[in-house]
C-alpha cells in the first residue's frame, strides 16, 4: 500500500506561466523522489512598472513516500 503527500511550491518566470510550471516541477524532482502529479493552485502576473512582468505559479506537488 502506498502513502502519498503533497507540498506547495511557488515558481516565477519572466517568460510565461508554462515556463514557471516546468521550472517548479523540475526543481521539485531534484529534491523529492517519486513525484506523481502536480496541481495548479493559482496563477498570478506580477506587474512591474519597468515592464519586466513576472509570471508566478503556485502548485501542489504530490509524491509517494518511500516504504
PDB file of N, CA and C in Angstrom:
ATOM      1  N   UNK A   1       0.841  -1.176   0.000  1.00  0.00           N
ATOM      2  CA  UNK A   1       0.000   0.000   0.000  1.00  0.00           C
ATOM      3  C   UNK A   1       0.884   1.237   0.000  1.00  0.00           C
ATOM      4  N   UNK A   2       0.618   2.178  -0.875  1.00  0.00           N
ATOM      5  CA  UNK A   2       1.414   3.393  -0.992  1.00  0.00           C
ATOM      6  C   UNK A   2       0.772   4.538  -0.209  1.00  0.00           C
ATOM      7  N   UNK A   3       1.623   5.386   0.322  1.00  0.00           N
ATOM      8  CA  UNK A   3       1.177   6.594   1.012  1.00  0.00           C
ATOM      9  C   UNK A   3       1.802   7.781   0.303  1.00  0.00           C
ATOM     10  N   UNK A   4       0.970   8.771  -0.027  1.00  0.00           N
ATOM     11  CA  UNK A   4       1.451   9.953  -0.735  1.00  0.00           C
ATOM     12  C   UNK A   4       1.217  11.197   0.111  1.00  0.00           C
ATOM     13  N   UNK A   5       1.960  12.221  -0.178  1.00  0.00           N
ATOM     14  CA  UNK A   5       1.783  13.517   0.470  1.00  0.00           C
ATOM     15  C   UNK A   5       1.966  14.613  -0.572  1.00  0.00           C
ATOM     16  N   UNK A   6       1.599  15.831  -0.207  1.00  0.00           N
ATOM     17  CA  UNK A   6       1.765  16.958  -1.123  1.00  0.00           C
ATOM     18  C   UNK A   6       2.578  18.049  -0.450  1.00  0.00           C
ATOM     19  N   UNK A   7       3.211  18.835  -1.275  1.00  0.00           N
ATOM     20  CA  UNK A   7       3.913  20.018  -0.816  1.00  0.00           C
ATOM     21  C   UNK A   7       3.567  21.162  -1.756  1.00  0.00           C
ATOM     22  N   UNK A   8       3.519  22.359  -1.243  1.00  0.00           N
ATOM     23  CA  UNK A   8       3.154  23.513  -2.059  1.00  0.00           C
ATOM     24  C   UNK A   8       4.422  24.258  -2.465  1.00  0.00           C
ATOM     25  N   UNK A   9       4.511  24.572  -3.744  1.00  0.00           N
ATOM     26  CA  UNK A   9       5.660  25.280  -4.297  1.00  0.00           C
ATOM     27  C   UNK A   9       5.194  26.498  -5.074  1.00  0.00           C
ATOM     28  N   UNK A  10       6.051  27.480  -5.159  1.00  0.00           N
ATOM     29  CA  UNK A  10       5.804  28.648  -5.995  1.00  0.00           C
ATOM     30  C   UNK A  10       7.008  28.831  -6.906  1.00  0.00           C
ATOM     31  N   UNK A  11       6.745  29.054  -8.188  1.00  0.00           N
ATOM     32  CA  UNK A  11       7.816  29.280  -9.158  1.00  0.00           C
ATOM     33  C   UNK A  11       7.481  30.521  -9.964  1.00  0.00           C
ATOM     34  N   UNK A  12       8.518  31.254 -10.362  1.00  0.00           N
ATOM     35  CA  UNK A  12       8.343  32.503 -11.108  1.00  0.00           C
ATOM     36  C   UNK A  12       9.198  32.453 -12.366  1.00  0.00           C
ATOM     37  N   UNK A  13       8.641  32.971 -13.458  1.00  0.00           N
ATOM     38  CA  UNK A  13       9.355  33.034 -14.725  1.00  0.00           C
ATOM     39  C   UNK A  13       9.067  34.369 -15.406  1.00  0.00           C
ATOM     40  N   UNK A  14      10.038  34.922 -16.113  1.00  0.00           N
ATOM     41  CA  UNK A  14       9.790  36.151 -16.870  1.00  0.00           C
ATOM     42  C   UNK A  14       9.136  35.893 -18.228  1.00  0.00           C
ATOM     43  N   UNK A  15       9.035  34.609 -18.634  1.00  0.00           N
ATOM     44  CA  UNK A  15       8.557  34.324 -19.989  1.00  0.00           C
ATOM     45  C   UNK A  15       7.139  33.770 -20.078  1.00  0.00           C
ATOM     46  N   UNK A  16       6.586  33.216 -18.984  1.00  0.00           N
ATOM     47  CA  UNK A  16       5.217  32.718 -19.059  1.00  0.00           C
ATOM     48  C   UNK A  16       4.873  31.735 -17.956  1.00  0.00           C
ATOM     49  N   UNK A  17       3.565  31.469 -17.819  1.00  0.00           N
ATOM     50  CA  UNK A  17       3.090  30.547 -16.794  1.00  0.00           C
ATOM     51  C   UNK A  17       3.597  29.131 -17.027  1.00  0.00           C
ATOM     52  N   UNK A  18       3.595  28.691 -18.281  1.00  0.00           N
ATOM     53  CA  UNK A  18       4.041  27.325 -18.582  1.00  0.00           C
ATOM     54  C   UNK A  18       5.505  27.135 -18.200  1.00  0.00           C
ATOM     55  N   UNK A  19       6.329  28.134 -18.470  1.00  0.00           N
ATOM     56  CA  UNK A  19       7.747  28.052 -18.116  1.00  0.00           C
ATOM     57  C   UNK A  19       7.928  28.010 -16.593  1.00  0.00           C
ATOM     58  N   UNK A  20       7.140  28.781 -15.874  1.00  0.00           N
ATOM     59  CA  UNK A  20       7.196  28.754 -14.403  1.00  0.00           C
ATOM     60  C   UNK A  20       6.801  27.375 -13.879  1.00  0.00           C
ATOM     61  N   UNK A  21       5.770  26.795 -14.457  1.00  0.00           N
ATOM     62  CA  UNK A  21       5.327  25.455 -14.064  1.00  0.00           C
ATOM     63  C   UNK A  21       6.422  24.419 -14.306  1.00  0.00           C
ATOM     64  N   UNK A  22       7.010  24.440 -15.488  1.00  0.00           N
ATOM     65  CA  UNK A  22       8.073  23.488 -15.817  1.00  0.00           C
ATOM     66  C   UNK A  22       9.261  23.639 -14.871  1.00  0.00           C
ATOM     67  N   UNK A  23       9.619  24.878 -14.562  1.00  0.00           N
ATOM     68  CA  UNK A  23      10.737  25.131 -13.655  1.00  0.00           C
ATOM     69  C   UNK A  23      10.429  24.598 -12.259  1.00  0.00           C
ATOM     70  N   UNK A  24       9.212  24.826 -11.780  1.00  0.00           N
ATOM     71  CA  UNK A  24       8.818  24.356 -10.453  1.00  0.00           C
ATOM     72  C   UNK A  24       8.833  22.844 -10.341  1.00  0.00           C
ATOM     73  N   UNK A  25       8.290  22.161 -11.334  1.00  0.00           N
ATOM     74  CA  UNK A  25       8.263  20.694 -11.313  1.00  0.00           C
ATOM     75  C   UNK A  25       9.680  20.128 -11.425  1.00  0.00           C
ATOM     76  N   UNK A  26      10.492  20.712 -12.289  1.00  0.00           N
ATOM     77  CA  UNK A  26      11.875  20.239 -12.430  1.00  0.00           C
ATOM     78  C   UNK A  26      12.636  20.397 -11.118  1.00  0.00           C
ATOM     79  N   UNK A  27      12.420  21.512 -10.447  1.00  0.00           N
ATOM     80  CA  UNK A  27      13.098  21.741  -9.163  1.00  0.00           C
ATOM     81  C   UNK A  27      12.602  20.766  -8.105  1.00  0.00           C
ATOM     82  N   UNK A  28      11.314  20.486  -8.079  1.00  0.00           N
ATOM     83  CA  UNK A  28      10.761  19.529  -7.119  1.00  0.00           C
ATOM     84  C   UNK A  28      11.369  18.147  -7.328  1.00  0.00           C
ATOM     85  N   UNK A  29      11.539  17.754  -8.584  1.00  0.00           N
ATOM     86  CA  UNK A  29      12.073  16.428  -8.887  1.00  0.00           C
ATOM     87  C   UNK A  29      13.539  16.283  -8.487  1.00  0.00           C
ATOM     88  N   UNK A  30      14.257  17.415  -8.320  1.00  0.00           N
ATOM     89  CA  UNK A  30      15.638  17.354  -7.840  1.00  0.00           C
ATOM     90  C   UNK A  30      15.695  16.972  -6.366  1.00  0.00           C
ATOM     91  N   UNK A  31      14.691  17.386  -5.603  1.00  0.00           N
ATOM     92  CA  UNK A  31      14.684  17.186  -4.156  1.00  0.00           C
ATOM     93  C   UNK A  31      13.802  16.021  -3.730  1.00  0.00           C
ATOM     94  N   UNK A  32      12.667  15.845  -4.368  1.00  0.00           N
ATOM     95  CA  UNK A  32      11.684  14.836  -3.975  1.00  0.00           C
ATOM     96  C   UNK A  32      11.774  13.611  -4.877  1.00  0.00           C
ATOM     97  N   UNK A  33      11.630  12.442  -4.278  1.00  0.00           N
ATOM     98  CA  UNK A  33      11.560  11.203  -5.059  1.00  0.00           C
ATOM     99  C   UNK A  33      10.101  10.851  -5.289  1.00  0.00           C
ATOM    100  N   UNK A  34       9.833  10.099  -6.327  1.00  0.00           N
ATOM    101  CA  UNK A  34       8.502   9.557  -6.616  1.00  0.00           C
ATOM    102  C   UNK A  34       7.443  10.631  -6.844  1.00  0.00           C
ATOM    103  N   UNK A  35       7.806  11.711  -7.542  1.00  0.00           N
ATOM    104  CA  UNK A  35       6.828  12.750  -7.875  1.00  0.00           C
ATOM    105  C   UNK A  35       5.823  12.156  -8.859  1.00  0.00           C
ATOM    106  N   UNK A  36       4.532  12.279  -8.535  1.00  0.00           N
ATOM    107  CA  UNK A  36       3.486  11.644  -9.334  1.00  0.00           C
ATOM    108  C   UNK A  36       2.573  12.625 -10.051  1.00  0.00           C
ATOM    109  N   UNK A  37       2.335  13.806  -9.471  1.00  0.00           N
ATOM    110  CA  UNK A  37       1.421  14.742 -10.118  1.00  0.00           C
ATOM    111  C   UNK A  37       1.651  16.154  -9.587  1.00  0.00           C
ATOM    112  N   UNK A  38       1.034  17.093 -10.308  1.00  0.00           N
ATOM    113  CA  UNK A  38       1.125  18.492  -9.931  1.00  0.00           C
ATOM    114  C   UNK A  38      -0.226  19.137 -10.204  1.00  0.00           C
ATOM    115  N   UNK A  39      -0.713  19.889  -9.254  1.00  0.00           N
ATOM    116  CA  UNK A  39      -1.991  20.578  -9.387  1.00  0.00           C
ATOM    117  C   UNK A  39      -1.729  22.073  -9.285  1.00  0.00           C
ATOM    118  N   UNK A  40      -2.214  22.837 -10.261  1.00  0.00           N
ATOM    119  CA  UNK A  40      -2.033  24.282 -10.262  1.00  0.00           C
ATOM    120  C   UNK A  40      -3.062  24.901  -9.325  1.00  0.00           C
ATOM    121  N   UNK A  41      -2.583  25.498  -8.266  1.00  0.00           N
ATOM    122  CA  UNK A  41      -3.461  26.122  -7.281  1.00  0.00           C
ATOM    123  C   UNK A  41      -3.792  27.559  -7.667  1.00  0.00           C
ATOM    124  N   UNK A  42      -2.801  28.277  -8.207  1.00  0.00           N
ATOM    125  CA  UNK A  42      -3.005  29.694  -8.501  1.00  0.00           C
ATOM    126  C   UNK A  42      -1.999  30.164  -9.534  1.00  0.00           C
ATOM    127  N   UNK A  43      -2.409  31.134 -10.321  1.00  0.00           N
ATOM    128  CA  UNK A  43      -1.517  31.817 -11.260  1.00  0.00           C
ATOM    129  C   UNK A  43      -1.665  33.312 -11.013  1.00  0.00           C
ATOM    130  N   UNK A  44      -0.544  34.023 -11.094  1.00  0.00           N
ATOM    131  CA  UNK A  44      -0.572  35.452 -10.821  1.00  0.00           C
ATOM    132  C   UNK A  44       0.456  36.148 -11.692  1.00  0.00           C
ATOM    133  N   UNK A  45       0.082  37.276 -12.244  1.00  0.00           N
ATOM    134  CA  UNK A  45       1.009  38.091 -13.013  1.00  0.00           C
ATOM    135  C   UNK A  45       1.487  39.217 -12.116  1.00  0.00           C
ATOM    136  N   UNK A  46       2.792  39.252 -11.872  1.00  0.00           N
ATOM    137  CA  UNK A  46       3.389  40.302 -11.056  1.00  0.00           C
ATOM    138  C   UNK A  46       3.786  41.432 -12.003  1.00  0.00           C
ATOM    139  N   UNK A  47       3.079  42.524 -11.942  1.00  0.00           N
ATOM    140  CA  UNK A  47       3.261  43.631 -12.887  1.00  0.00           C
ATOM    141  C   UNK A  47       4.325  44.581 -12.355  1.00  0.00           C
ATOM    142  N   UNK A  48       5.319  44.828 -13.176  1.00  0.00           N
ATOM    143  CA  UNK A  48       6.399  45.742 -12.821  1.00  0.00           C
ATOM    144  C   UNK A  48       6.251  47.043 -13.615  1.00  0.00           C
ATOM    145  N   UNK A  49       6.594  48.143 -12.998  1.00  0.00           N
ATOM    146  CA  UNK A  49       6.490  49.436 -13.679  1.00  0.00           C
ATOM    147  C   UNK A  49       7.462  49.564 -14.839  1.00  0.00           C
ATOM    148  N   UNK A  50       8.585  48.849 -14.772  1.00  0.00           N
ATOM    149  CA  UNK A  50       9.576  48.937 -15.854  1.00  0.00           C
ATOM    150  C   UNK A  50       9.272  47.976 -17.002  1.00  0.00           C
ATOM    151  N   UNK A  51       8.146  47.266 -16.923  1.00  0.00           N
ATOM    152  CA  UNK A  51       7.754  46.359 -17.997  1.00  0.00           C
ATOM    153  C   UNK A  51       8.284  44.948 -17.858  1.00  0.00           C
ATOM    154  N   UNK A  52       9.071  44.676 -16.810  1.00  0.00           N
ATOM    155  CA  UNK A  52       9.634  43.339 -16.605  1.00  0.00           C
ATOM    156  C   UNK A  52       8.670  42.508 -15.760  1.00  0.00           C
ATOM    157  N   UNK A  53       7.509  42.200 -16.316  1.00  0.00           N
ATOM    158  CA  UNK A  53       6.499  41.424 -15.600  1.00  0.00           C
ATOM    159  C   UNK A  53       7.004  40.011 -15.312  1.00  0.00           C
ATOM    160  N   UNK A  54       6.484  39.413 -14.246  1.00  0.00           N
ATOM    161  CA  UNK A  54       6.858  38.060 -13.840  1.00  0.00           C
ATOM    162  C   UNK A  54       5.598  37.211 -13.755  1.00  0.00           C
ATOM    163  N   UNK A  55       5.699  35.975 -14.212  1.00  0.00           N
ATOM    164  CA  UNK A  55       4.594  35.021 -14.175  1.00  0.00           C
ATOM    165  C   UNK A  55       4.813  34.078 -13.001  1.00  0.00           C
ATOM    166  N   UNK A  56       3.878  34.068 -12.050  1.00  0.00           N
ATOM    167  CA  UNK A  56       4.014  33.290 -10.815  1.00  0.00           C
ATOM    168  C   UNK A  56       2.971  32.173 -10.795  1.00  0.00           C
ATOM    169  N   UNK A  57       3.423  30.959 -10.514  1.00  0.00           N
ATOM    170  CA  UNK A  57       2.544  29.796 -10.421  1.00  0.00           C
ATOM    171  C   UNK A  57       2.726  29.166  -9.041  1.00  0.00           C
ATOM    172  N   UNK A  58       1.623  28.967  -8.350  1.00  0.00           N
ATOM    173  CA  UNK A  58       1.628  28.239  -7.080  1.00  0.00           C
ATOM    174  C   UNK A  58       1.023  26.872  -7.353  1.00  0.00           C
ATOM    175  N   UNK A  59       1.745  25.836  -6.969  1.00  0.00           N
ATOM    176  CA  UNK A  59       1.326  24.474  -7.311  1.00  0.00           C
ATOM    177  C   UNK A  59       1.447  23.550  -6.109  1.00  0.00           C
ATOM    178  N   UNK A  60       0.684  22.470  -6.140  1.00  0.00           N
ATOM    179  CA  UNK A  60       0.798  21.412  -5.140  1.00  0.00           C
ATOM    180  C   UNK A  60       1.359  20.193  -5.858  1.00  0.00           C
ATOM    181  N   UNK A  61       2.496  19.713  -5.386  1.00  0.00           N
ATOM    182  CA  UNK A  61       3.160  18.565  -5.981  1.00  0.00           C
ATOM    183  C   UNK A  61       2.927  17.356  -5.085  1.00  0.00           C
ATOM    184  N   UNK A  62       2.448  16.279  -5.678  1.00  0.00           N
ATOM    185  CA  UNK A  62       2.179  15.040  -4.946  1.00  0.00           C
ATOM    186  C   UNK A  62       3.308  14.051  -5.201  1.00  0.00           C
ATOM    187  N   UNK A  63       3.783  13.442  -4.111  1.00  0.00           N
ATOM    188  CA  UNK A  63       4.830  12.422  -4.250  1.00  0.00           C
ATOM    189  C   UNK A  63       4.556  11.291  -3.277  1.00  0.00           C
ATOM    190  N   UNK A  64       4.985  10.080  -3.658  1.00  0.00           N
ATOM    191  CA  UNK A  64       4.772   8.879  -2.856  1.00  0.00           C
ATOM    192  C   UNK A  64       5.941   8.710  -1.903  1.00  0.00           C
ATOM    193  N   UNK A  65       5.626   8.455  -0.645  1.00  0.00           N
ATOM    194  CA  UNK A  65       6.672   8.259   0.362  1.00  0.00           C
ATOM    195  C   UNK A  65       7.301   6.881   0.217  1.00  0.00           C
ATOM    196  N   UNK A  66       8.602   6.810   0.508  1.00  0.00           N
ATOM    197  CA  UNK A  66       9.307   5.525   0.500  1.00  0.00           C
ATOM    198  C   UNK A  66       8.794   4.652   1.639  1.00  0.00           C
ATOM    199  N   UNK A  67       8.849   3.338   1.435  1.00  0.00           N
ATOM    200  CA  UNK A  67       8.471   2.398   2.499  1.00  0.00           C
ATOM    201  C   UNK A  67       9.543   2.345   3.579  1.00  0.00           C
TER     202      UNK A  67
END
